[in-house]
Amino acid sequence: MQIYQQALQLRERKRGFHLITADVLNAIPQISEIKTGIMQVFIQHTSASLTINENADPTVRHDFETYFSKSVPENDPDYLHNDEGPDDMPAHLKAALLGSSVMIPIRNGRPALGIWQGIYLCEHRNYGGARNLIITAWGE
């Protein structure tokens, strides 16, 4: 069994849904040595998240942001946690809905993503800053 792990800091991005597949794969080229395995990508933040979805049509990214902004609105008077601004608690809720990690099978040294799938950084804050990921890959 081979195990590889790499930390990756993503540059600051504006609020929205951003494809980061190339960033992740460039950070851990050792997956090419794994014939059969798993790759986990974990984000070390509570106001941003990760997901896998459509990687071709940019309107999907816009529609994701529209949906989550409608579903978890800012300035809800019932939120108690608002010390960091009106986008803070909604960002935590959105991150909880989407999750902090994704798991991807590795097959013949490559992530076994579908042809239209990509890894997204889901930035839920207006000014979230750089984001830190831990990428772990293991297998035979």
N, C-alpha and C. Protein backbone atom coordinates (compact mmCIF):
# COMPACT_ATOMS: atom_id res chain seq x y z
N MET A 1 0.85 -1.18 0.00
CA MET A 1 0.00 0.00 0.00
C MET A 1 0.89 1.24 0.00
N GLN A 2 0.53 2.18 -0.83
CA GLN A 2 1.24 3.46 -0.90
C GLN A 2 0.30 4.53 -0.35
N ILE A 3 0.87 5.47 0.42
CA ILE A 3 0.09 6.58 0.96
C ILE A 3 0.86 7.86 0.69
N TYR A 4 0.16 8.83 0.12
CA TYR A 4 0.75 10.14 -0.17
C TYR A 4 -0.16 11.20 0.43
N GLN A 5 0.46 12.27 0.93
CA GLN A 5 -0.33 13.38 1.45
C GLN A 5 0.36 14.68 1.11
N GLN A 6 -0.46 15.66 0.74
CA GLN A 6 0.08 16.96 0.34
C GLN A 6 -0.85 18.06 0.84
N ALA A 7 -0.27 19.11 1.39
CA ALA A 7 -1.03 20.32 1.73
C ALA A 7 -1.03 21.23 0.50
N LEU A 8 -2.14 21.91 0.29
CA LEU A 8 -2.26 22.84 -0.83
C LEU A 8 -2.97 24.09 -0.34
N GLN A 9 -2.37 25.23 -0.58
CA GLN A 9 -3.04 26.49 -0.27
C GLN A 9 -3.55 27.10 -1.58
N LEU A 10 -4.85 27.28 -1.65
CA LEU A 10 -5.48 27.90 -2.81
C LEU A 10 -5.49 29.41 -2.63
N ARG A 11 -5.26 30.13 -3.70
CA ARG A 11 -5.30 31.59 -3.63
C ARG A 11 -6.72 32.03 -3.27
N GLU A 12 -6.84 33.24 -2.77
CA GLU A 12 -8.15 33.79 -2.45
C GLU A 12 -8.99 33.87 -3.73
N ARG A 13 -10.23 33.50 -3.59
CA ARG A 13 -11.17 33.58 -4.71
C ARG A 13 -12.42 34.31 -4.23
N LYS A 14 -13.12 34.92 -5.17
CA LYS A 14 -14.35 35.60 -4.81
C LYS A 14 -15.42 34.58 -4.45
N ARG A 15 -16.44 35.05 -3.81
CA ARG A 15 -17.56 34.20 -3.46
C ARG A 15 -18.11 33.52 -4.70
N GLY A 16 -18.37 32.22 -4.59
CA GLY A 16 -18.90 31.47 -5.72
C GLY A 16 -18.33 30.07 -5.75
N PHE A 17 -18.53 29.42 -6.88
CA PHE A 17 -18.15 28.02 -7.07
C PHE A 17 -17.05 27.96 -8.13
N HIS A 18 -15.89 27.44 -7.73
CA HIS A 18 -14.69 27.51 -8.56
C HIS A 18 -14.13 26.11 -8.80
N LEU A 19 -13.89 25.78 -10.06
CA LEU A 19 -13.26 24.50 -10.37
C LEU A 19 -11.80 24.52 -9.95
N ILE A 20 -11.41 23.51 -9.17
CA ILE A 20 -10.04 23.43 -8.68
C ILE A 20 -9.41 22.07 -9.01
N THR A 21 -10.00 21.32 -9.90
CA THR A 21 -9.50 19.99 -10.24
C THR A 21 -8.02 20.03 -10.61
N ALA A 22 -7.64 20.92 -11.49
CA ALA A 22 -6.24 21.00 -11.94
C ALA A 22 -5.32 21.36 -10.78
N ASP A 23 -5.73 22.27 -9.91
CA ASP A 23 -4.91 22.63 -8.74
C ASP A 23 -4.64 21.41 -7.87
N VAL A 24 -5.69 20.63 -7.62
CA VAL A 24 -5.57 19.45 -6.77
C VAL A 24 -4.65 18.42 -7.42
N LEU A 25 -4.88 18.12 -8.68
CA LEU A 25 -4.08 17.09 -9.34
C LEU A 25 -2.63 17.50 -9.51
N ASN A 26 -2.38 18.78 -9.75
CA ASN A 26 -1.00 19.26 -9.85
C ASN A 26 -0.27 19.16 -8.51
N ALA A 27 -1.02 19.24 -7.41
CA ALA A 27 -0.40 19.20 -6.09
C ALA A 27 0.01 17.79 -5.66
N ILE A 28 -0.56 16.76 -6.28
CA ILE A 28 -0.27 15.39 -5.86
C ILE A 28 -0.05 14.49 -7.07
N PRO A 29 1.04 14.70 -7.78
CA PRO A 29 1.31 13.90 -8.98
C PRO A 29 1.59 12.43 -8.66
N GLN A 30 1.84 12.11 -7.39
CA GLN A 30 2.13 10.73 -7.01
C GLN A 30 0.96 9.78 -7.24
N ILE A 31 -0.24 10.30 -7.48
CA ILE A 31 -1.35 9.37 -7.73
C ILE A 31 -1.09 8.54 -8.99
N SER A 32 -0.21 9.01 -9.85
CA SER A 32 0.11 8.23 -11.06
C SER A 32 0.74 6.89 -10.70
N GLU A 33 1.24 6.75 -9.48
CA GLU A 33 1.86 5.50 -9.03
C GLU A 33 0.84 4.52 -8.45
N ILE A 34 -0.40 4.94 -8.31
CA ILE A 34 -1.43 4.11 -7.69
C ILE A 34 -2.32 3.52 -8.78
N LYS A 35 -2.38 2.21 -8.85
CA LYS A 35 -3.24 1.55 -9.84
C LYS A 35 -4.70 1.57 -9.40
N THR A 36 -4.92 1.20 -8.14
CA THR A 36 -6.28 1.18 -7.58
C THR A 36 -6.23 1.81 -6.20
N GLY A 37 -7.03 2.85 -5.97
CA GLY A 37 -6.99 3.50 -4.67
C GLY A 37 -8.05 4.56 -4.51
N ILE A 38 -7.81 5.43 -3.55
CA ILE A 38 -8.75 6.49 -3.19
C ILE A 38 -7.97 7.78 -2.95
N MET A 39 -8.58 8.88 -3.33
CA MET A 39 -8.04 10.20 -3.01
C MET A 39 -9.10 10.97 -2.24
N GLN A 40 -8.70 11.50 -1.08
CA GLN A 40 -9.58 12.37 -0.32
C GLN A 40 -9.03 13.78 -0.39
N VAL A 41 -9.91 14.74 -0.63
CA VAL A 41 -9.55 16.15 -0.59
C VAL A 41 -10.37 16.76 0.54
N PHE A 42 -9.68 17.36 1.51
CA PHE A 42 -10.30 17.91 2.72
C PHE A 42 -9.98 19.39 2.82
N ILE A 43 -10.98 20.21 3.13
CA ILE A 43 -10.76 21.64 3.31
C ILE A 43 -10.75 21.97 4.80
N GLN A 44 -9.76 22.75 5.23
CA GLN A 44 -9.57 23.06 6.64
C GLN A 44 -10.28 24.37 7.03
N HIS A 45 -11.50 24.51 6.63
CA HIS A 45 -12.25 25.75 6.91
C HIS A 45 -13.71 25.42 7.18
N THR A 46 -14.38 26.31 7.88
CA THR A 46 -15.80 26.10 8.20
C THR A 46 -16.74 27.02 7.43
N SER A 47 -16.20 27.86 6.57
CA SER A 47 -17.06 28.76 5.79
C SER A 47 -16.83 28.61 4.29
N ALA A 48 -16.21 27.51 3.91
CA ALA A 48 -16.06 27.13 2.50
C ALA A 48 -16.20 25.61 2.47
N SER A 49 -16.49 25.07 1.30
CA SER A 49 -16.73 23.63 1.22
C SER A 49 -16.22 23.09 -0.12
N LEU A 50 -16.37 21.79 -0.28
CA LEU A 50 -15.97 21.12 -1.51
C LEU A 50 -17.14 20.29 -2.03
N THR A 51 -17.20 20.14 -3.34
CA THR A 51 -18.18 19.25 -3.95
C THR A 51 -17.65 18.82 -5.32
N ILE A 52 -18.27 17.82 -5.87
CA ILE A 52 -17.96 17.36 -7.23
C ILE A 52 -19.22 17.57 -8.07
N ASN A 53 -19.05 18.19 -9.23
CA ASN A 53 -20.20 18.42 -10.09
C ASN A 53 -19.74 18.79 -11.49
N GLU A 54 -20.67 19.25 -12.30
CA GLU A 54 -20.49 19.64 -13.71
C GLU A 54 -19.25 20.51 -13.90
N ASN A 55 -18.38 20.11 -14.82
CA ASN A 55 -17.14 20.86 -15.02
C ASN A 55 -17.06 21.62 -16.34
N ALA A 56 -18.11 21.60 -17.14
CA ALA A 56 -18.02 22.18 -18.48
C ALA A 56 -18.75 23.51 -18.62
N ASP A 57 -19.99 23.55 -18.25
CA ASP A 57 -20.82 24.74 -18.48
C ASP A 57 -20.73 25.69 -17.29
N PRO A 58 -20.18 26.89 -17.47
CA PRO A 58 -20.02 27.83 -16.35
C PRO A 58 -21.35 28.32 -15.77
N THR A 59 -22.45 28.16 -16.49
CA THR A 59 -23.73 28.59 -15.92
C THR A 59 -24.11 27.73 -14.73
N VAL A 60 -23.60 26.50 -14.67
CA VAL A 60 -23.86 25.64 -13.51
C VAL A 60 -23.30 26.30 -12.26
N ARG A 61 -22.10 26.85 -12.34
CA ARG A 61 -21.48 27.51 -11.19
C ARG A 61 -22.31 28.71 -10.74
N HIS A 62 -22.81 29.46 -11.68
CA HIS A 62 -23.67 30.61 -11.36
C HIS A 62 -24.96 30.13 -10.70
N ASP A 63 -25.55 29.09 -11.25
CA ASP A 63 -26.81 28.57 -10.70
C ASP A 63 -26.62 28.00 -9.29
N PHE A 64 -25.47 27.37 -9.02
CA PHE A 64 -25.17 26.92 -7.66
C PHE A 64 -25.20 28.10 -6.69
N GLU A 65 -24.51 29.17 -7.03
CA GLU A 65 -24.46 30.35 -6.16
C GLU A 65 -25.86 30.93 -5.98
N THR A 66 -26.63 30.99 -7.05
CA THR A 66 -28.00 31.51 -6.95
C THR A 66 -28.83 30.66 -6.00
N TYR A 67 -28.77 29.34 -6.16
CA TYR A 67 -29.55 28.44 -5.31
C TYR A 67 -29.17 28.60 -3.84
N PHE A 68 -27.88 28.55 -3.53
CA PHE A 68 -27.47 28.61 -2.13
C PHE A 68 -27.74 29.99 -1.52
N SER A 69 -27.64 31.06 -2.30
CA SER A 69 -27.96 32.39 -1.78
C SER A 69 -29.45 32.52 -1.45
N LYS A 70 -30.29 31.88 -2.26
CA LYS A 70 -31.73 31.89 -1.97
C LYS A 70 -32.07 30.97 -0.80
N SER A 71 -31.41 29.83 -0.73
CA SER A 71 -31.73 28.84 0.30
C SER A 71 -31.23 29.24 1.68
N VAL A 72 -30.09 29.90 1.74
CA VAL A 72 -29.50 30.30 3.02
C VAL A 72 -29.17 31.80 2.92
N PRO A 73 -30.18 32.66 3.11
CA PRO A 73 -29.99 34.10 2.90
C PRO A 73 -29.17 34.76 4.01
N GLU A 74 -28.55 35.85 3.65
CA GLU A 74 -27.84 36.67 4.63
C GLU A 74 -28.84 37.56 5.37
N ASN A 75 -28.39 38.13 6.47
CA ASN A 75 -29.16 39.08 7.27
C ASN A 75 -30.43 38.49 7.87
N ASP A 76 -30.45 37.19 8.12
CA ASP A 76 -31.59 36.58 8.79
C ASP A 76 -31.53 37.01 10.25
N PRO A 77 -32.57 37.68 10.76
CA PRO A 77 -32.53 38.19 12.14
C PRO A 77 -32.50 37.07 13.19
N ASP A 78 -32.78 35.85 12.80
CA ASP A 78 -32.76 34.75 13.76
C ASP A 78 -31.35 34.21 14.01
N TYR A 79 -30.37 34.53 13.15
CA TYR A 79 -29.00 34.07 13.36
C TYR A 79 -28.38 34.83 14.53
N LEU A 80 -27.78 34.12 15.44
CA LEU A 80 -27.09 34.73 16.57
C LEU A 80 -25.63 35.00 16.26
N HIS A 81 -25.01 34.14 15.47
CA HIS A 81 -23.59 34.27 15.14
C HIS A 81 -23.44 35.23 13.96
N ASN A 82 -23.03 36.45 14.26
CA ASN A 82 -22.87 37.45 13.19
C ASN A 82 -21.68 38.37 13.44
N ASP A 83 -20.75 37.94 14.29
CA ASP A 83 -19.60 38.78 14.65
C ASP A 83 -18.73 39.15 13.46
N GLU A 84 -18.67 38.27 12.45
CA GLU A 84 -17.79 38.50 11.32
C GLU A 84 -18.54 39.01 10.09
N GLY A 85 -19.77 39.43 10.27
CA GLY A 85 -20.52 40.00 9.16
C GLY A 85 -21.70 39.15 8.76
N PRO A 86 -22.56 39.70 7.91
CA PRO A 86 -23.80 39.02 7.54
C PRO A 86 -23.61 37.78 6.68
N ASP A 87 -22.41 37.60 6.09
CA ASP A 87 -22.18 36.40 5.27
C ASP A 87 -21.58 35.25 6.08
N ASP A 88 -21.27 35.49 7.37
CA ASP A 88 -20.55 34.48 8.15
C ASP A 88 -21.42 33.27 8.50
N MET A 89 -22.51 33.44 9.18
CA MET A 89 -23.35 32.28 9.55
C MET A 89 -23.91 31.58 8.32
N PRO A 90 -24.39 32.32 7.31
CA PRO A 90 -24.82 31.61 6.10
C PRO A 90 -23.69 30.78 5.48
N ALA A 91 -22.45 31.27 5.55
CA ALA A 91 -21.33 30.51 5.01
C ALA A 91 -21.13 29.21 5.78
N HIS A 92 -21.26 29.25 7.10
CA HIS A 92 -21.14 28.03 7.90
C HIS A 92 -22.24 27.03 7.54
N LEU A 93 -23.45 27.51 7.37
CA LEU A 93 -24.57 26.62 7.03
C LEU A 93 -24.38 26.00 5.65
N LYS A 94 -23.96 26.79 4.68
CA LYS A 94 -23.72 26.27 3.33
C LYS A 94 -22.61 25.22 3.36
N ALA A 95 -21.55 25.48 4.12
CA ALA A 95 -20.46 24.52 4.22
C ALA A 95 -20.94 23.22 4.87
N ALA A 96 -21.82 23.34 5.86
CA ALA A 96 -22.34 22.13 6.50
C ALA A 96 -23.20 21.33 5.53
N LEU A 97 -23.93 22.00 4.67
CA LEU A 97 -24.77 21.30 3.69
C LEU A 97 -23.94 20.57 2.63
N LEU A 98 -22.88 21.19 2.18
CA LEU A 98 -22.06 20.61 1.11
C LEU A 98 -20.96 19.69 1.62
N GLY A 99 -20.36 20.00 2.73
CA GLY A 99 -19.35 19.13 3.31
C GLY A 99 -17.93 19.62 3.15
N SER A 100 -17.06 19.04 3.95
CA SER A 100 -15.67 19.48 4.01
C SER A 100 -14.71 18.58 3.24
N SER A 101 -15.22 17.51 2.63
CA SER A 101 -14.30 16.67 1.86
C SER A 101 -15.02 15.95 0.74
N VAL A 102 -14.22 15.51 -0.22
CA VAL A 102 -14.71 14.66 -1.31
C VAL A 102 -13.77 13.48 -1.42
N MET A 103 -14.33 12.34 -1.81
CA MET A 103 -13.55 11.11 -2.02
C MET A 103 -13.67 10.75 -3.50
N ILE A 104 -12.55 10.42 -4.10
CA ILE A 104 -12.52 10.10 -5.53
C ILE A 104 -11.73 8.80 -5.72
N PRO A 105 -12.30 7.83 -6.42
CA PRO A 105 -11.52 6.62 -6.71
C PRO A 105 -10.35 6.94 -7.63
N ILE A 106 -9.26 6.22 -7.43
CA ILE A 106 -8.12 6.31 -8.34
C ILE A 106 -8.09 5.01 -9.13
N ARG A 107 -8.00 5.14 -10.44
CA ARG A 107 -7.98 3.97 -11.32
C ARG A 107 -6.88 4.16 -12.35
N ASN A 108 -5.95 3.24 -12.38
CA ASN A 108 -4.82 3.31 -13.33
C ASN A 108 -4.08 4.65 -13.26
N GLY A 109 -3.83 5.11 -12.03
CA GLY A 109 -3.03 6.31 -11.83
C GLY A 109 -3.72 7.63 -12.08
N ARG A 110 -5.04 7.59 -12.25
CA ARG A 110 -5.79 8.83 -12.52
C ARG A 110 -7.05 8.85 -11.67
N PRO A 111 -7.52 10.04 -11.33
CA PRO A 111 -8.80 10.10 -10.61
C PRO A 111 -9.92 9.61 -11.53
N ALA A 112 -10.78 8.78 -11.02
CA ALA A 112 -11.85 8.19 -11.84
C ALA A 112 -13.09 9.09 -11.82
N LEU A 113 -12.88 10.34 -12.16
CA LEU A 113 -13.99 11.28 -12.30
C LEU A 113 -14.71 11.00 -13.62
N GLY A 114 -16.00 11.25 -13.64
CA GLY A 114 -16.74 11.16 -14.89
C GLY A 114 -16.31 12.26 -15.84
N ILE A 115 -16.64 12.10 -17.10
CA ILE A 115 -16.18 13.03 -18.14
C ILE A 115 -16.62 14.48 -17.86
N TRP A 116 -17.76 14.66 -17.22
CA TRP A 116 -18.27 16.01 -16.96
C TRP A 116 -18.14 16.40 -15.49
N GLN A 117 -17.28 15.72 -14.74
CA GLN A 117 -17.14 16.01 -13.32
C GLN A 117 -15.85 16.75 -13.01
N GLY A 118 -15.95 17.68 -12.07
CA GLY A 118 -14.79 18.39 -11.58
C GLY A 118 -14.94 18.66 -10.10
N ILE A 119 -13.82 18.98 -9.46
CA ILE A 119 -13.81 19.30 -8.03
C ILE A 119 -14.01 20.81 -7.89
N TYR A 120 -14.94 21.18 -7.05
CA TYR A 120 -15.25 22.59 -6.80
C TYR A 120 -14.79 23.04 -5.42
N LEU A 121 -14.19 24.22 -5.36
CA LEU A 121 -14.10 24.98 -4.13
C LEU A 121 -15.37 25.82 -4.07
N CYS A 122 -16.12 25.69 -3.03
CA CYS A 122 -17.34 26.45 -2.84
C CYS A 122 -17.03 27.54 -1.83
N GLU A 123 -16.78 28.73 -2.31
CA GLU A 123 -16.42 29.85 -1.44
C GLU A 123 -17.70 30.57 -1.03
N HIS A 124 -17.99 30.53 0.26
CA HIS A 124 -19.26 31.07 0.75
C HIS A 124 -19.12 32.45 1.39
N ARG A 125 -17.91 32.95 1.53
CA ARG A 125 -17.70 34.27 2.12
C ARG A 125 -17.39 35.28 1.02
N ASN A 126 -17.74 36.53 1.27
CA ASN A 126 -17.40 37.58 0.31
C ASN A 126 -15.89 37.78 0.24
N TYR A 127 -15.20 37.66 1.38
CA TYR A 127 -13.75 37.79 1.44
C TYR A 127 -13.23 36.67 2.33
N GLY A 128 -13.14 35.48 1.78
CA GLY A 128 -12.77 34.31 2.56
C GLY A 128 -11.27 34.13 2.75
N GLY A 129 -10.48 34.74 1.91
CA GLY A 129 -9.04 34.57 2.00
C GLY A 129 -8.56 33.29 1.33
N ALA A 130 -7.28 33.03 1.47
CA ALA A 130 -6.71 31.80 0.93
C ALA A 130 -7.33 30.61 1.66
N ARG A 131 -7.44 29.49 0.98
CA ARG A 131 -8.05 28.29 1.58
C ARG A 131 -7.04 27.14 1.55
N ASN A 132 -7.01 26.39 2.65
CA ASN A 132 -6.06 25.30 2.80
C ASN A 132 -6.73 23.95 2.63
N LEU A 133 -6.11 23.11 1.81
CA LEU A 133 -6.60 21.76 1.57
C LEU A 133 -5.53 20.76 2.02
N ILE A 134 -5.99 19.59 2.44
CA ILE A 134 -5.12 18.45 2.65
C ILE A 134 -5.59 17.37 1.68
N ILE A 135 -4.70 16.90 0.84
CA ILE A 135 -5.01 15.88 -0.16
C ILE A 135 -4.28 14.60 0.25
N THR A 136 -5.03 13.53 0.41
CA THR A 136 -4.44 12.24 0.78
C THR A 136 -4.85 11.21 -0.26
N ALA A 137 -3.89 10.48 -0.75
CA ALA A 137 -4.15 9.42 -1.74
C ALA A 137 -3.50 8.13 -1.24
N TRP A 138 -4.24 7.04 -1.36
CA TRP A 138 -3.69 5.76 -0.95
C TRP A 138 -4.21 4.65 -1.84
N GLY A 139 -3.41 3.61 -1.92
CA GLY A 139 -3.82 2.47 -2.72
C GLY A 139 -2.64 1.61 -3.12
N GLU A 140 -2.90 0.70 -4.06
CA GLU A 140 -1.90 -0.26 -4.52
C GLU A 140 -1.43 0.09 -5.91
